[in-house]
PDB file of N, CA and C in Angstrom:
ATOM      1  N   MET A   1      10.083  15.884 -18.524  1.00  0.00           N
ATOM      2  CA  MET A   1      10.594  16.565 -17.349  1.00  0.00           C
ATOM      3  C   MET A   1      10.454  18.069 -17.583  1.00  0.00           C
ATOM      4  N   THR A   2       9.827  18.713 -16.627  1.00  0.00           N
ATOM      5  CA  THR A   2       9.613  20.145 -16.745  1.00  0.00           C
ATOM      6  C   THR A   2      10.617  20.896 -15.880  1.00  0.00           C
ATOM      7  N   VAL A   3      10.671  22.187 -16.092  1.00  0.00           N
ATOM      8  CA  VAL A   3      11.555  23.036 -15.301  1.00  0.00           C
ATOM      9  C   VAL A   3      11.133  22.996 -13.827  1.00  0.00           C
ATOM     10  N   GLU A   4       9.833  22.954 -13.588  1.00  0.00           N
ATOM     11  CA  GLU A   4       9.341  22.906 -12.212  1.00  0.00           C
ATOM     12  C   GLU A   4       9.818  21.648 -11.498  1.00  0.00           C
ATOM     13  N   GLN A   5       9.818  20.514 -12.197  1.00  0.00           N
ATOM     14  CA  GLN A   5      10.292  19.270 -11.591  1.00  0.00           C
ATOM     15  C   GLN A   5      11.766  19.364 -11.228  1.00  0.00           C
ATOM     16  N   VAL A   6      12.552  19.940 -12.093  1.00  0.00           N
ATOM     17  CA  VAL A   6      13.985  20.096 -11.826  1.00  0.00           C
ATOM     18  C   VAL A   6      14.198  21.003 -10.615  1.00  0.00           C
ATOM     19  N   VAL A   7      13.438  22.079 -10.532  1.00  0.00           N
ATOM     20  CA  VAL A   7      13.561  22.993  -9.392  1.00  0.00           C
ATOM     21  C   VAL A   7      13.197  22.276  -8.092  1.00  0.00           C
ATOM     22  N   VAL A   8      12.136  21.475  -8.115  1.00  0.00           N
ATOM     23  CA  VAL A   8      11.736  20.726  -6.924  1.00  0.00           C
ATOM     24  C   VAL A   8      12.830  19.730  -6.539  1.00  0.00           C
ATOM     25  N   TRP A   9      13.423  19.029  -7.508  1.00  0.00           N
ATOM     26  CA  TRP A   9      14.510  18.093  -7.223  1.00  0.00           C
ATOM     27  C   TRP A   9      15.687  18.801  -6.578  1.00  0.00           C
ATOM     28  N   VAL A  10      16.021  19.984  -7.076  1.00  0.00           N
ATOM     29  CA  VAL A  10      17.148  20.738  -6.516  1.00  0.00           C
ATOM     30  C   VAL A  10      16.829  21.187  -5.095  1.00  0.00           C
ATOM     31  N   ILE A  11      15.604  21.632  -4.860  1.00  0.00           N
ATOM     32  CA  ILE A  11      15.222  22.085  -3.517  1.00  0.00           C
ATOM     33  C   ILE A  11      15.225  20.911  -2.543  1.00  0.00           C
ATOM     34  N   ILE A  12      14.606  19.797  -2.929  1.00  0.00           N
ATOM     35  CA  ILE A  12      14.588  18.616  -2.063  1.00  0.00           C
ATOM     36  C   ILE A  12      16.012  18.117  -1.819  1.00  0.00           C
ATOM     37  N   GLY A  13      16.814  18.048  -2.882  1.00  0.00           N
ATOM     38  CA  GLY A  13      18.208  17.626  -2.740  1.00  0.00           C
ATOM     39  C   GLY A  13      18.999  18.547  -1.837  1.00  0.00           C
ATOM     40  N   GLY A  14      18.769  19.842  -1.981  1.00  0.00           N
ATOM     41  CA  GLY A  14      19.472  20.800  -1.140  1.00  0.00           C
ATOM     42  C   GLY A  14      19.104  20.657   0.322  1.00  0.00           C
ATOM     43  N   LEU A  15      17.816  20.550   0.598  1.00  0.00           N
ATOM     44  CA  LEU A  15      17.380  20.374   1.993  1.00  0.00           C
ATOM     45  C   LEU A  15      17.914  19.081   2.589  1.00  0.00           C
ATOM     46  N   ALA A  16      17.761  17.996   1.852  1.00  0.00           N
ATOM     47  CA  ALA A  16      18.235  16.698   2.353  1.00  0.00           C
ATOM     48  C   ALA A  16      19.750  16.704   2.527  1.00  0.00           C
ATOM     49  N   GLY A  17      20.462  17.283   1.579  1.00  0.00           N
ATOM     50  CA  GLY A  17      21.916  17.335   1.664  1.00  0.00           C
ATOM     51  C   GLY A  17      22.404  18.180   2.824  1.00  0.00           C
ATOM     52  N   LEU A  18      21.755  19.320   3.061  1.00  0.00           N
ATOM     53  CA  LEU A  18      22.145  20.172   4.187  1.00  0.00           C
ATOM     54  C   LEU A  18      21.853  19.488   5.518  1.00  0.00           C
ATOM     55  N   LEU A  19      20.706  18.820   5.610  1.00  0.00           N
ATOM     56  CA  LEU A  19      20.386  18.077   6.839  1.00  0.00           C
ATOM     57  C   LEU A  19      21.384  16.947   7.067  1.00  0.00           C
ATOM     58  N   ALA A  20      21.699  16.211   6.015  1.00  0.00           N
ATOM     59  CA  ALA A  20      22.647  15.101   6.145  1.00  0.00           C
ATOM     60  C   ALA A  20      24.041  15.611   6.489  1.00  0.00           C
ATOM     61  N   ASP A  21      24.433  16.746   5.907  1.00  0.00           N
ATOM     62  CA  ASP A  21      25.746  17.330   6.193  1.00  0.00           C
ATOM     63  C   ASP A  21      25.841  17.733   7.658  1.00  0.00           C
ATOM     64  N   ALA A  22      24.747  18.234   8.222  1.00  0.00           N
ATOM     65  CA  ALA A  22      24.737  18.600   9.636  1.00  0.00           C
ATOM     66  C   ALA A  22      24.710  17.356  10.524  1.00  0.00           C
ATOM     67  N   PHE A  23      24.103  16.288  10.057  1.00  0.00           N
ATOM     68  CA  PHE A  23      23.954  15.060  10.831  1.00  0.00           C
ATOM     69  C   PHE A  23      25.240  14.239  10.864  1.00  0.00           C
ATOM     70  N   VAL A  24      25.933  14.147   9.728  1.00  0.00           N
ATOM     71  CA  VAL A  24      27.163  13.350   9.620  1.00  0.00           C
ATOM     72  C   VAL A  24      28.348  14.292   9.820  1.00  0.00           C
ATOM     73  N   LYS A  25      29.037  14.104  10.895  1.00  0.00           N
ATOM     74  CA  LYS A  25      30.178  14.974  11.215  1.00  0.00           C
ATOM     75  C   LYS A  25      31.413  14.526  10.432  1.00  0.00           C
ATOM     76  N   GLY A  26      32.288  15.477  10.158  1.00  0.00           N
ATOM     77  CA  GLY A  26      33.555  15.148   9.527  1.00  0.00           C
ATOM     78  C   GLY A  26      33.624  15.466   8.047  1.00  0.00           C
ATOM     79  N   ILE A  27      32.499  15.813   7.438  1.00  0.00           N
ATOM     80  CA  ILE A  27      32.494  16.166   6.020  1.00  0.00           C
ATOM     81  C   ILE A  27      31.737  17.477   5.882  1.00  0.00           C
ATOM     82  N   ARG A  28      32.373  18.464   5.283  1.00  0.00           N
ATOM     83  CA  ARG A  28      31.719  19.742   5.023  1.00  0.00           C
ATOM     84  C   ARG A  28      31.628  19.906   3.511  1.00  0.00           C
ATOM     85  N   LEU A  29      30.416  20.076   3.010  1.00  0.00           N
ATOM     86  CA  LEU A  29      30.188  20.043   1.571  1.00  0.00           C
ATOM     87  C   LEU A  29      30.020  21.405   0.922  1.00  0.00           C
ATOM     88  N   GLY A  30      29.457  22.350   1.624  1.00  0.00           N
ATOM     89  CA  GLY A  30      29.048  23.590   1.004  1.00  0.00           C
ATOM     90  C   GLY A  30      27.692  23.382   0.332  1.00  0.00           C
ATOM     91  N   LEU A  31      27.103  24.454  -0.155  1.00  0.00           N
ATOM     92  CA  LEU A  31      25.748  24.379  -0.704  1.00  0.00           C
ATOM     93  C   LEU A  31      25.682  23.527  -1.957  1.00  0.00           C
ATOM     94  N   ALA A  32      26.593  23.736  -2.899  1.00  0.00           N
ATOM     95  CA  ALA A  32      26.558  22.963  -4.148  1.00  0.00           C
ATOM     96  C   ALA A  32      26.784  21.479  -3.870  1.00  0.00           C
ATOM     97  N   GLY A  33      27.724  21.166  -3.008  1.00  0.00           N
ATOM     98  CA  GLY A  33      27.968  19.768  -2.655  1.00  0.00           C
ATOM     99  C   GLY A  33      26.780  19.143  -1.957  1.00  0.00           C
ATOM    100  N   ALA A  34      26.118  19.916  -1.093  1.00  0.00           N
ATOM    101  CA  ALA A  34      24.940  19.410  -0.386  1.00  0.00           C
ATOM    102  C   ALA A  34      23.809  19.104  -1.362  1.00  0.00           C
ATOM    103  N   ILE A  35      23.636  19.946  -2.362  1.00  0.00           N
ATOM    104  CA  ILE A  35      22.590  19.709  -3.363  1.00  0.00           C
ATOM    105  C   ILE A  35      22.884  18.429  -4.131  1.00  0.00           C
ATOM    106  N   VAL A  36      24.124  18.255  -4.547  1.00  0.00           N
ATOM    107  CA  VAL A  36      24.493  17.051  -5.302  1.00  0.00           C
ATOM    108  C   VAL A  36      24.338  15.807  -4.436  1.00  0.00           C
ATOM    109  N   VAL A  37      24.824  15.862  -3.197  1.00  0.00           N
ATOM    110  CA  VAL A  37      24.711  14.717  -2.301  1.00  0.00           C
ATOM    111  C   VAL A  37      23.241  14.417  -2.009  1.00  0.00           C
ATOM    112  N   GLY A  38      22.434  15.447  -1.830  1.00  0.00           N
ATOM    113  CA  GLY A  38      21.013  15.247  -1.579  1.00  0.00           C
ATOM    114  C   GLY A  38      20.292  14.620  -2.761  1.00  0.00           C
ATOM    115  N   MET A  39      20.638  15.048  -3.969  1.00  0.00           N
ATOM    116  CA  MET A  39      20.016  14.460  -5.160  1.00  0.00           C
ATOM    117  C   MET A  39      20.462  13.014  -5.342  1.00  0.00           C
ATOM    118  N   LEU A  40      21.735  12.742  -5.157  1.00  0.00           N
ATOM    119  CA  LEU A  40      22.213  11.356  -5.208  1.00  0.00           C
ATOM    120  C   LEU A  40      21.623  10.546  -4.064  1.00  0.00           C
ATOM    121  N   GLY A  41      21.458  11.183  -2.922  1.00  0.00           N
ATOM    122  CA  GLY A  41      20.831  10.528  -1.778  1.00  0.00           C
ATOM    123  C   GLY A  41      19.398  10.137  -2.061  1.00  0.00           C
ATOM    124  N   GLY A  42      18.703  10.948  -2.843  1.00  0.00           N
ATOM    125  CA  GLY A  42      17.347  10.599  -3.234  1.00  0.00           C
ATOM    126  C   GLY A  42      17.305   9.320  -4.042  1.00  0.00           C
ATOM    127  N   LEU A  43      18.270   9.166  -4.929  1.00  0.00           N
ATOM    128  CA  LEU A  43      18.359   7.934  -5.715  1.00  0.00           C
ATOM    129  C   LEU A  43      18.701   6.738  -4.830  1.00  0.00           C
ATOM    130  N   ILE A  44      19.686   6.925  -3.978  1.00  0.00           N
ATOM    131  CA  ILE A  44      20.110   5.839  -3.086  1.00  0.00           C
ATOM    132  C   ILE A  44      18.990   5.482  -2.110  1.00  0.00           C
ATOM    133  N   GLY A  45      18.374   6.503  -1.512  1.00  0.00           N
ATOM    134  CA  GLY A  45      17.290   6.263  -0.571  1.00  0.00           C
ATOM    135  C   GLY A  45      16.097   5.586  -1.229  1.00  0.00           C
ATOM    136  N   GLY A  46      15.747   6.022  -2.427  1.00  0.00           N
ATOM    137  CA  GLY A  46      14.648   5.381  -3.147  1.00  0.00           C
ATOM    138  C   GLY A  46      14.935   3.925  -3.435  1.00  0.00           C
ATOM    139  N   TRP A  47      16.177   3.636  -3.808  1.00  0.00           N
ATOM    140  CA  TRP A  47      16.580   2.255  -4.074  1.00  0.00           C
ATOM    141  C   TRP A  47      16.538   1.421  -2.793  1.00  0.00           C
ATOM    142  N   LEU A  48      17.090   1.968  -1.696  1.00  0.00           N
ATOM    143  CA  LEU A  48      17.114   1.237  -0.429  1.00  0.00           C
ATOM    144  C   LEU A  48      15.705   0.988   0.120  1.00  0.00           C
ATOM    145  N   PHE A  49      14.872   2.019   0.104  1.00  0.00           N
ATOM    146  CA  PHE A  49      13.521   1.867   0.619  1.00  0.00           C
ATOM    147  C   PHE A  49      12.739   0.864  -0.224  1.00  0.00           C
ATOM    148  N   GLY A  50      12.942   0.891  -1.533  1.00  0.00           N
ATOM    149  CA  GLY A  50      12.286  -0.094  -2.402  1.00  0.00           C
ATOM    150  C   GLY A  50      12.785  -1.503  -2.150  1.00  0.00           C
ATOM    151  N   LEU A  51      14.082  -1.639  -1.944  1.00  0.00           N
ATOM    152  CA  LEU A  51      14.683  -2.939  -1.673  1.00  0.00           C
ATOM    153  C   LEU A  51      14.158  -3.533  -0.367  1.00  0.00           C
ATOM    154  N   LEU A  52      13.970  -2.677   0.627  1.00  0.00           N
ATOM    155  CA  LEU A  52      13.492  -3.128   1.927  1.00  0.00           C
ATOM    156  C   LEU A  52      11.963  -3.194   2.007  1.00  0.00           C
ATOM    157  N   GLY A  53      11.289  -2.702   0.984  1.00  0.00           N
ATOM    158  CA  GLY A  53       9.834  -2.719   0.970  1.00  0.00           C
ATOM    159  C   GLY A  53       9.213  -1.709   1.915  1.00  0.00           C
ATOM    160  N   VAL A  54       9.935  -0.621   2.200  1.00  0.00           N
ATOM    161  CA  VAL A  54       9.460   0.407   3.121  1.00  0.00           C
ATOM    162  C   VAL A  54       8.814   1.524   2.316  1.00  0.00           C
ATOM    163  N   SER A  55       7.662   1.986   2.778  1.00  0.00           N
ATOM    164  CA  SER A  55       6.977   3.097   2.130  1.00  0.00           C
ATOM    165  C   SER A  55       6.747   4.198   3.155  1.00  0.00           C
ATOM    166  N   VAL A  56       7.180   5.397   2.814  1.00  0.00           N
ATOM    167  CA  VAL A  56       6.972   6.532   3.713  1.00  0.00           C
ATOM    168  C   VAL A  56       5.825   7.401   3.231  1.00  0.00           C
ATOM    169  N   GLY A  57       5.140   6.961   2.196  1.00  0.00           N
ATOM    170  CA  GLY A  57       4.044   7.741   1.644  1.00  0.00           C
ATOM    171  C   GLY A  57       4.555   8.748   0.643  1.00  0.00           C
ATOM    172  N   GLY A  58       3.649   9.455   0.068  1.00  0.00           N
ATOM    173  CA  GLY A  58       4.026  10.450  -0.936  1.00  0.00           C
ATOM    174  C   GLY A  58       4.168  11.818  -0.317  1.00  0.00           C
ATOM    175  N   GLY A  59       4.403  12.760  -1.140  1.00  0.00           N
ATOM    176  CA  GLY A  59       4.486  14.137  -0.693  1.00  0.00           C
ATOM    177  C   GLY A  59       5.902  14.619  -0.464  1.00  0.00           C
ATOM    178  N   LEU A  60       5.984  15.872  -0.209  1.00  0.00           N
ATOM    179  CA  LEU A  60       7.272  16.545  -0.059  1.00  0.00           C
ATOM    180  C   LEU A  60       8.060  16.032   1.141  1.00  0.00           C
ATOM    181  N   LEU A  61       7.407  15.854   2.280  1.00  0.00           N
ATOM    182  CA  LEU A  61       8.119  15.386   3.468  1.00  0.00           C
ATOM    183  C   LEU A  61       8.652  13.971   3.293  1.00  0.00           C
ATOM    184  N   GLY A  62       7.881  13.110   2.652  1.00  0.00           N
ATOM    185  CA  GLY A  62       8.354  11.756   2.375  1.00  0.00           C
ATOM    186  C   GLY A  62       9.548  11.760   1.454  1.00  0.00           C
ATOM    187  N   ASP A  63       9.508  12.616   0.432  1.00  0.00           N
ATOM    188  CA  ASP A  63      10.638  12.725  -0.498  1.00  0.00           C
ATOM    189  C   ASP A  63      11.891  13.229   0.212  1.00  0.00           C
ATOM    190  N   ILE A  64      11.721  14.211   1.088  1.00  0.00           N
ATOM    191  CA  ILE A  64      12.871  14.739   1.825  1.00  0.00           C
ATOM    192  C   ILE A  64      13.435  13.674   2.758  1.00  0.00           C
ATOM    193  N   LEU A  65      12.570  12.910   3.425  1.00  0.00           N
ATOM    194  CA  LEU A  65      13.031  11.854   4.325  1.00  0.00           C
ATOM    195  C   LEU A  65      13.824  10.791   3.573  1.00  0.00           C
ATOM    196  N   VAL A  66      13.310  10.351   2.439  1.00  0.00           N
ATOM    197  CA  VAL A  66      14.010   9.333   1.640  1.00  0.00           C
ATOM    198  C   VAL A  66      15.357   9.868   1.159  1.00  0.00           C
ATOM    199  N   ALA A  67      15.379  11.103   0.666  1.00  0.00           N
ATOM    200  CA  ALA A  67      16.631  11.699   0.193  1.00  0.00           C
ATOM    201  C   ALA A  67      17.610  11.896   1.348  1.00  0.00           C
ATOM    202  N   PHE A  68      17.105  12.276   2.522  1.00  0.00           N
ATOM    203  CA  PHE A  68      17.962  12.450   3.699  1.00  0.00           C
ATOM    204  C   PHE A  68      18.625  11.138   4.089  1.00  0.00           C
ATOM    205  N   VAL A  69      17.850  10.067   4.163  1.00  0.00           N
ATOM    206  CA  VAL A  69      18.410   8.758   4.532  1.00  0.00           C
ATOM    207  C   VAL A  69      19.466   8.338   3.518  1.00  0.00           C
ATOM    208  N   GLY A  70      19.167   8.487   2.239  1.00  0.00           N
ATOM    209  CA  GLY A  70      20.150   8.141   1.210  1.00  0.00           C
ATOM    210  C   GLY A  70      21.389   9.002   1.270  1.00  0.00           C
ATOM    211  N   ALA A  71      21.218  10.297   1.555  1.00  0.00           N
ATOM    212  CA  ALA A  71      22.366  11.199   1.656  1.00  0.00           C
ATOM    213  C   ALA A  71      23.237  10.853   2.859  1.00  0.00           C
ATOM    214  N   VAL A  72      22.620  10.465   3.974  1.00  0.00           N
ATOM    215  CA  VAL A  72      23.387  10.052   5.154  1.00  0.00           C
ATOM    216  C   VAL A  72      24.194   8.801   4.820  1.00  0.00           C
ATOM    217  N   VAL A  73      23.581   7.843   4.148  1.00  0.00           N
ATOM    218  CA  VAL A  73      24.297   6.625   3.751  1.00  0.00           C
ATOM    219  C   VAL A  73      25.484   6.995   2.862  1.00  0.00           C
ATOM    220  N   LEU A  74      25.249   7.865   1.895  1.00  0.00           N
ATOM    221  CA  LEU A  74      26.324   8.274   0.982  1.00  0.00           C
ATOM    222  C   LEU A  74      27.447   8.978   1.739  1.00  0.00           C
ATOM    223  N   LEU A  75      27.114   9.877   2.654  1.00  0.00           N
ATOM    224  CA  LEU A  75      28.150  10.585   3.413  1.00  0.00           C
ATOM    225  C   LEU A  75      28.930   9.651   4.341  1.00  0.00           C
ATOM    226  N   LEU A  76      28.250   8.679   4.918  1.00  0.00           N
ATOM    227  CA  LEU A  76      28.964   7.705   5.755  1.00  0.00           C
ATOM    228  C   LEU A  76      29.942   6.885   4.919  1.00  0.00           C
ATOM    229  N   ILE A  77      29.539   6.515   3.724  1.00  0.00           N
ATOM    230  CA  ILE A  77      30.447   5.791   2.820  1.00  0.00           C
ATOM    231  C   ILE A  77      31.638   6.674   2.453  1.00  0.00           C
ATOM    232  N   LEU A  78      31.375   7.937   2.138  1.00  0.00           N
ATOM    233  CA  LEU A  78      32.466   8.862   1.799  1.00  0.00           C
ATOM    234  C   LEU A  78      33.415   9.062   2.968  1.00  0.00           C
ATOM    235  N   ARG A  79      32.867   9.152   4.175  1.00  0.00           N
ATOM    236  CA  ARG A  79      33.721   9.320   5.362  1.00  0.00           C
ATOM    237  C   ARG A  79      34.621   8.111   5.568  1.00  0.00           C
ATOM    238  N   VAL A  80      34.094   6.912   5.370  1.00  0.00           N
ATOM    239  CA  VAL A  80      34.904   5.698   5.510  1.00  0.00           C
ATOM    240  C   VAL A  80      35.984   5.655   4.428  1.00  0.00           C
ATOM    241  N   LEU A  81      35.643   6.024   3.203  1.00  0.00           N
ATOM    242  CA  LEU A  81      36.621   6.005   2.119  1.00  0.00           C
ATOM    243  C   LEU A  81      37.722   7.045   2.321  1.00  0.00           C
ATOM    244  N   ARG A  82      37.391   8.191   2.879  1.00  0.00           N
ATOM    245  CA  ARG A  82      38.408   9.230   3.142  1.00  0.00           C
ATOM    246  C   ARG A  82      39.395   8.797   4.214  1.00  0.00           C
ATOM    247  N   ARG A  83      38.936   8.040   5.189  1.00  0.00           N
ATOM    248  CA  ARG A  83      39.815   7.592   6.265  1.00  0.00           C
ATOM    249  C   ARG A  83      40.669   6.415   5.840  1.00  0.00           C
ATOM    250  N   GLY A  84      40.183   5.676   4.840  1.00  0.00           N
ATOM    251  CA  GLY A  84      40.894   4.470   4.408  1.00  0.00           C
ATOM    252  C   GLY A  84      42.035   4.772   3.556  1.00  0.00           C
TER     253      GLY A  84
END
């Protein structure tokens, strides 16, 4: 793992997390929280897309889409847990 890879993960996580934070109402994360949620969302999204056999192709936009979907799932779970 190189420094460049880590920087790309943080950027993708940040973008996906900020998009998901704007999409899912009721949870405000801030920049650091959005980056963490986006990075975790990338893991969740990658797992879900693999489980469902869905491929969005490679590249930056595909990575952001997968991380966004995973981050939205994570935020929806967090919203349900906060209300419960």
